[in-house]
C-alpha atoms as a PDB file:
ATOM      1  CA  MET A   1       5.294 143.817 169.328  1.00  0.00           C
ATOM      2  CA  ASN A   2       5.752 145.236 165.881  1.00  0.00           C
ATOM      3  CA  THR A   3       8.494 147.557 167.021  1.00  0.00           C
ATOM      4  CA  GLU A   4      10.381 144.671 168.676  1.00  0.00           C
ATOM      5  CA  VAL A   5      10.418 142.654 165.431  1.00  0.00           C
ATOM      6  CA  TYR A   6      11.479 145.765 163.507  1.00  0.00           C
ATOM      7  CA  CYS A   7      14.366 146.396 165.962  1.00  0.00           C
ATOM      8  CA  VAL A   8      15.550 142.769 165.797  1.00  0.00           C
ATOM      9  CA  ARG A   9      15.472 142.808 161.981  1.00  0.00           C
ATOM     10  CA  LYS A  10      17.309 146.132 161.908  1.00  0.00           C
ATOM     11  CA  PHE A  11      19.926 144.742 164.344  1.00  0.00           C
ATOM     12  CA  TRP A  12      20.555 141.667 162.152  1.00  0.00           C
ATOM     13  CA  ARG A  13      20.648 143.803 159.000  1.00  0.00           C
ATOM     14  CA  ILE A  14      23.284 146.129 160.509  1.00  0.00           C
ATOM     15  CA  PHE A  15      25.183 143.179 161.977  1.00  0.00           C
ATOM     16  CA  GLY A  16      25.191 141.482 158.539  1.00  0.00           C
ATOM     17  CA  TRP A  17      26.577 144.563 156.796  1.00  0.00           C
ATOM     18  CA  VAL A  18      29.250 145.011 159.453  1.00  0.00           C
ATOM     19  CA  PHE A  19      30.212 141.322 159.189  1.00  0.00           C
ATOM     20  CA  LEU A  20      30.349 141.541 155.373  1.00  0.00           C
ATOM     21  CA  GLY A  21      32.538 144.660 155.583  1.00  0.00           C
ATOM     22  CA  ILE A  22      34.930 142.995 158.008  1.00  0.00           C
ATOM     23  CA  PHE A  23      35.031 139.855 155.847  1.00  0.00           C
ATOM     24  CA  LEU A  24      35.815 141.830 152.685  1.00  0.00           C
ATOM     25  CA  GLN A  25      38.382 143.968 154.503  1.00  0.00           C
ATOM     26  CA  PHE A  26      40.387 140.966 155.707  1.00  0.00           C
ATOM     27  CA  LYS A  27      39.696 138.559 152.856  1.00  0.00           C
ATOM     28  CA  PHE A  28      43.093 138.954 151.202  1.00  0.00           C
ATOM     29  CA  ASN A  29      44.979 139.089 154.494  1.00  0.00           C
ATOM     30  CA  ALA A  30      43.262 135.873 155.591  1.00  0.00           C
ATOM     31  CA  LEU A  31      44.236 134.159 152.340  1.00  0.00           C
ATOM     32  CA  TYR A  32      47.821 135.351 152.749  1.00  0.00           C
ATOM     33  CA  GLY A  33      47.758 134.037 156.327  1.00  0.00           C
ATOM     34  CA  ILE A  34      46.549 130.630 155.170  1.00  0.00           C
ATOM     35  CA  VAL A  35      49.342 130.392 152.576  1.00  0.00           C
ATOM     36  CA  PHE A  36      51.867 131.557 155.180  1.00  0.00           C
ATOM     37  CA  LEU A  37      50.737 128.896 157.684  1.00  0.00           C
ATOM     38  CA  GLU A  38      50.729 126.243 154.964  1.00  0.00           C
ATOM     39  CA  ASN A  39      54.353 127.118 154.132  1.00  0.00           C
ATOM     40  CA  LEU A  40      55.283 127.178 157.816  1.00  0.00           C
ATOM     41  CA  ASN A  41      53.799 123.777 158.625  1.00  0.00           C
ATOM     42  CA  PHE A  42      54.305 121.708 155.479  1.00  0.00           C
ATOM     43  CA  HIS A  43      57.491 122.889 153.750  1.00  0.00           C
ATOM     44  CA  ASP A  44      61.082 122.846 154.905  1.00  0.00           C
ATOM     45  CA  ARG A  45      63.379 125.717 153.938  1.00  0.00           C
ATOM     46  CA  THR A  46      66.208 124.589 151.654  1.00  0.00           C
ATOM     47  CA  TYR A  47      69.463 126.384 150.827  1.00  0.00           C
ATOM     48  CA  LEU A  48      71.028 125.418 147.500  1.00  0.00           C
ATOM     49  CA  VAL A  49      74.463 126.388 146.187  1.00  0.00           C
ATOM     50  CA  GLU A  50      75.601 125.501 142.674  1.00  0.00           C
ATOM     51  CA  MET A  51      79.134 126.243 141.495  1.00  0.00           C
ATOM     52  CA  SER A  52      80.942 125.380 138.317  1.00  0.00           C
ATOM     53  CA  MET A  53      84.184 126.548 136.755  1.00  0.00           C
ATOM     54  CA  VAL A  54      84.686 127.182 133.052  1.00  0.00           C
ATOM     55  CA  PRO A  55      88.293 127.211 131.820  1.00  0.00           C
ATOM     56  CA  THR A  56      89.326 130.028 129.490  1.00  0.00           C
ATOM     57  CA  GLU A  57      92.556 131.197 127.905  1.00  0.00           C
ATOM     58  CA  GLU A  58      95.709 131.086 130.018  1.00  0.00           C
ATOM     59  CA  SER A  59      95.130 131.103 133.786  1.00  0.00           C
ATOM     60  CA  LEU A  60      91.718 132.813 133.837  1.00  0.00           C
ATOM     61  CA  ARG A  61      88.650 130.893 134.978  1.00  0.00           C
ATOM     62  CA  ILE A  62      84.961 131.788 135.092  1.00  0.00           C
ATOM     63  CA  LEU A  63      83.407 130.753 138.401  1.00  0.00           C
ATOM     64  CA  LYS A  64      79.626 130.475 138.042  1.00  0.00           C
ATOM     65  CA  VAL A  65      77.762 130.697 141.345  1.00  0.00           C
ATOM     66  CA  LYS A  66      74.020 130.200 141.810  1.00  0.00           C
ATOM     67  CA  THR A  67      72.336 130.508 145.229  1.00  0.00           C
ATOM     68  CA  THR A  68      68.737 129.617 146.071  1.00  0.00           C
ATOM     69  CA  VAL A  69      66.607 129.830 149.206  1.00  0.00           C
ATOM     70  CA  HIS A  70      63.672 127.485 148.499  1.00  0.00           C
ATOM     71  CA  HIS A  71      60.324 127.944 150.325  1.00  0.00           C
ATOM     72  CA  SER A  72      61.426 131.140 152.027  1.00  0.00           C
ATOM     73  CA  LEU A  73      59.049 132.999 154.326  1.00  0.00           C
ATOM     74  CA  GLY A  74      61.160 136.032 155.158  1.00  0.00           C
ATOM     75  CA  PRO A  75      61.184 139.118 152.964  1.00  0.00           C
ATOM     76  CA  ASP A  76      64.931 139.748 152.863  1.00  0.00           C
ATOM     77  CA  TYR A  77      67.677 137.250 152.155  1.00  0.00           C
ATOM     78  CA  PHE A  78      71.301 138.026 151.377  1.00  0.00           C
ATOM     79  CA  ALA A  79      74.060 135.733 150.184  1.00  0.00           C
ATOM     80  CA  ASN A  80      77.751 136.567 150.327  1.00  0.00           C
ATOM     81  CA  VAL A  81      80.407 134.538 148.532  1.00  0.00           C
ATOM     82  CA  TYR A  82      83.858 134.475 150.149  1.00  0.00           C
ATOM     83  CA  ILE A  83      86.671 133.834 147.671  1.00  0.00           C
ATOM     84  CA  PRO A  84      90.218 133.284 149.021  1.00  0.00           C
ATOM     85  CA  GLU A  85      92.565 136.280 148.803  1.00  0.00           C
ATOM     86  CA  ARG A  86      95.018 134.147 146.810  1.00  0.00           C
ATOM     87  CA  TYR A  87      92.714 134.693 143.825  1.00  0.00           C
ATOM     88  CA  LYS A  88      91.880 138.012 142.235  1.00  0.00           C
ATOM     89  CA  VAL A  89      88.401 138.647 140.879  1.00  0.00           C
ATOM     90  CA  LEU A  90      88.632 140.777 137.761  1.00  0.00           C
ATOM     91  CA  ASN A  91      84.982 141.701 137.151  1.00  0.00           C
ATOM     92  CA  GLU A  92      83.677 142.448 140.682  1.00  0.00           C
ATOM     93  CA  THR A  93      84.697 144.633 143.594  1.00  0.00           C
ATOM     94  CA  PRO A  94      84.713 143.211 147.131  1.00  0.00           C
ATOM     95  CA  TYR A  95      81.653 143.944 149.252  1.00  0.00           C
ATOM     96  CA  ALA A  96      82.620 145.908 152.366  1.00  0.00           C
ATOM     97  CA  GLY A  97      79.263 145.376 154.131  1.00  0.00           C
ATOM     98  CA  ALA A  98      79.830 141.678 154.827  1.00  0.00           C
ATOM     99  CA  GLU A  99      81.533 140.041 157.780  1.00  0.00           C
ATOM    100  CA  VAL A 100      85.320 140.064 157.444  1.00  0.00           C
ATOM    101  CA  LEU A 101      86.915 136.611 157.334  1.00  0.00           C
ATOM    102  CA  PRO A 102      90.711 136.396 157.474  1.00  0.00           C
ATOM    103  CA  GLY A 103      92.148 135.256 154.151  1.00  0.00           C
ATOM    104  CA  TYR A 104      88.926 135.895 152.204  1.00  0.00           C
ATOM    105  CA  LEU A 105      87.264 138.691 150.263  1.00  0.00           C
ATOM    106  CA  ALA A 106      83.450 138.896 150.259  1.00  0.00           C
ATOM    107  CA  TYR A 107      81.321 139.411 147.173  1.00  0.00           C
ATOM    108  CA  LYS A 108      77.602 140.106 147.321  1.00  0.00           C
ATOM    109  CA  MET A 109      75.081 138.046 145.359  1.00  0.00           C
ATOM    110  CA  ASN A 110      72.097 139.845 143.829  1.00  0.00           C
ATOM    111  CA  MET A 111      69.201 137.964 145.418  1.00  0.00           C
ATOM    112  CA  LYS A 112      65.775 138.349 143.769  1.00  0.00           C
ATOM    113  CA  ARG A 113      62.461 136.930 144.982  1.00  0.00           C
ATOM    114  CA  LYS A 114      60.581 134.665 142.587  1.00  0.00           C
ATOM    115  CA  TYR A 115      57.343 133.331 144.116  1.00  0.00           C
ATOM    116  CA  ARG A 116      58.457 131.293 147.167  1.00  0.00           C
ATOM    117  CA  ASP A 117      62.147 131.228 146.268  1.00  0.00           C
ATOM    118  CA  VAL A 118      64.940 133.780 146.486  1.00  0.00           C
ATOM    119  CA  LEU A 119      67.497 133.354 143.704  1.00  0.00           C
ATOM    120  CA  GLY A 120      70.906 134.788 142.907  1.00  0.00           C
ATOM    121  CA  THR A 121      73.326 134.164 140.024  1.00  0.00           C
ATOM    122  CA  LYS A 122      76.727 135.672 139.389  1.00  0.00           C
ATOM    123  CA  ASN A 123      79.797 134.911 137.252  1.00  0.00           C
ATOM    124  CA  PHE A 124      83.235 135.720 138.640  1.00  0.00           C
ATOM    125  CA  ILE A 125      86.312 135.942 136.413  1.00  0.00           C
ATOM    126  CA  ILE A 126      89.125 134.737 138.656  1.00  0.00           C
ATOM    127  CA  ALA A 127      92.851 134.157 138.344  1.00  0.00           C
ATOM    128  CA  PRO A 128      95.550 133.236 140.867  1.00  0.00           C
ATOM    129  CA  LYS A 129      97.425 136.285 142.173  1.00  0.00           C
ATOM    130  CA  ASN A 130     100.756 134.529 141.829  1.00  0.00           C
ATOM    131  CA  ILE A 131     100.887 131.990 139.004  1.00  0.00           C
ATOM    132  CA  ALA A 132     104.307 130.666 139.995  1.00  0.00           C
ATOM    133  CA  THR A 133     103.195 129.440 143.435  1.00  0.00           C
ATOM    134  CA  GLU A 134     100.851 126.548 143.992  1.00  0.00           C
ATOM    135  CA  ASN A 135      97.712 127.215 146.030  1.00  0.00           C
ATOM    136  CA  PRO A 136      96.539 124.246 148.119  1.00  0.00           C
ATOM    137  CA  VAL A 137      92.897 123.308 148.501  1.00  0.00           C
ATOM    138  CA  VAL A 138      90.877 126.074 150.197  1.00  0.00           C
ATOM    139  CA  PRO A 139      87.082 126.202 150.602  1.00  0.00           C
ATOM    140  CA  ILE A 140      84.922 128.868 148.968  1.00  0.00           C
ATOM    141  CA  LYS A 141      82.470 129.997 151.627  1.00  0.00           C
ATOM    142  CA  VAL A 142      78.855 131.087 151.108  1.00  0.00           C
ATOM    143  CA  HIS A 143      76.838 132.730 153.894  1.00  0.00           C
ATOM    144  CA  PHE A 144      73.058 133.125 153.743  1.00  0.00           C
ATOM    145  CA  GLU A 145      71.701 135.875 156.008  1.00  0.00           C
ATOM    146  CA  ASN A 146      68.625 137.970 156.658  1.00  0.00           C
ATOM    147  CA  LEU A 147      68.486 141.308 158.467  1.00  0.00           C
ATOM    148  CA  LYS A 148      68.677 139.614 161.886  1.00  0.00           C
ATOM    149  CA  GLN A 149      70.976 136.599 161.692  1.00  0.00           C
ATOM    150  CA  ARG A 150      73.055 134.170 159.660  1.00  0.00           C
ATOM    151  CA  LEU A 151      70.798 131.407 158.423  1.00  0.00           C
ATOM    152  CA  HIS A 152      73.236 128.993 156.774  1.00  0.00           C
ATOM    153  CA  SER A 153      76.945 128.693 155.979  1.00  0.00           C
ATOM    154  CA  ASP A 154      78.316 126.503 153.211  1.00  0.00           C
ATOM    155  CA  GLU A 155      81.928 125.390 152.680  1.00  0.00           C
ATOM    156  CA  THR A 156      81.293 122.478 150.314  1.00  0.00           C
ATOM    157  CA  TYR A 157      83.210 123.731 147.277  1.00  0.00           C
ATOM    158  CA  GLN A 158      87.008 123.867 147.290  1.00  0.00           C
ATOM    159  CA  ILE A 159      89.347 125.651 144.917  1.00  0.00           C
ATOM    160  CA  SER A 160      93.027 124.939 144.276  1.00  0.00           C
ATOM    161  CA  THR A 161      95.780 125.750 141.796  1.00  0.00           C
ATOM    162  CA  LEU A 162      98.295 122.995 141.179  1.00  0.00           C
ATOM    163  CA  LYS A 163     100.733 122.853 138.237  1.00  0.00           C
ATOM    164  CA  LEU A 164      99.275 126.073 136.769  1.00  0.00           C
ATOM    165  CA  LYS A 165      95.790 124.543 136.650  1.00  0.00           C
ATOM    166  CA  THR A 166      92.946 125.967 138.771  1.00  0.00           C
ATOM    167  CA  THR A 167      90.260 123.433 139.671  1.00  0.00           C
ATOM    168  CA  LEU A 168      87.010 123.459 141.627  1.00  0.00           C
ATOM    169  CA  GLU A 169      86.029 120.413 143.674  1.00  0.00           C
ATOM    170  CA  GLY A 170      82.560 119.685 144.967  1.00  0.00           C
ATOM    171  CA  PRO A 171      79.184 118.243 144.060  1.00  0.00           C
ATOM    172  CA  LYS A 172      76.950 119.633 141.343  1.00  0.00           C
ATOM    173  CA  VAL A 173      74.566 121.050 143.968  1.00  0.00           C
ATOM    174  CA  ALA A 174      75.169 121.545 147.698  1.00  0.00           C
ATOM    175  CA  GLU A 175      71.923 121.409 149.653  1.00  0.00           C
ATOM    176  CA  ALA A 176      70.955 121.996 153.292  1.00  0.00           C
ATOM    177  CA  THR A 177      67.401 121.697 154.638  1.00  0.00           C
ATOM    178  CA  TYR A 178      65.983 123.182 157.842  1.00  0.00           C
ATOM    179  CA  PRO A 179      62.471 123.162 159.327  1.00  0.00           C
ATOM    180  CA  GLN A 180      60.565 126.435 158.997  1.00  0.00           C
ATOM    181  CA  LYS A 181      60.499 128.781 161.979  1.00  0.00           C
ATOM    182  CA  LEU A 182      59.010 132.213 162.410  1.00  0.00           C
ATOM    183  CA  GLY A 183      61.624 134.935 161.975  1.00  0.00           C
ATOM    184  CA  MET A 184      63.818 132.840 159.693  1.00  0.00           C
END
């Protein structure tokens, strides 16, 4: 009888240590999983694009672009800004790794993760290629992508050059919201 009690106590002691080891091993992964599921079930993923244009001397303009992926779950997000070929960008070189759109040149945003958001900001110095001709309204396109697919496309902002004046039309912030899905 004494040996049976000793064996049962030894079993529970070993079982307790094994359980504690497993619990400590997966403690942080379990917490990460809880936060991941909370984001998946309670927060929508939002894509934000902010553009503004600052006039400078002569025909040059500074196009300020800010992109944000809010409540992102995926590790890698990329944003490409497509500026019409009618305009030359003086401070950036076109990005050859993006999808080619006829009539546009792609420029890559530097996206950085900050907590649950992925942010990118860039200033483009632009000027019309031919000042004498008028350029009608053309959208500036922004594509959000990850390693697998395009997640969102935005064509809200429009640029034009009329009477030697380049203007940007669009809201202060363009926003699109989608429900969270795994793999997005």
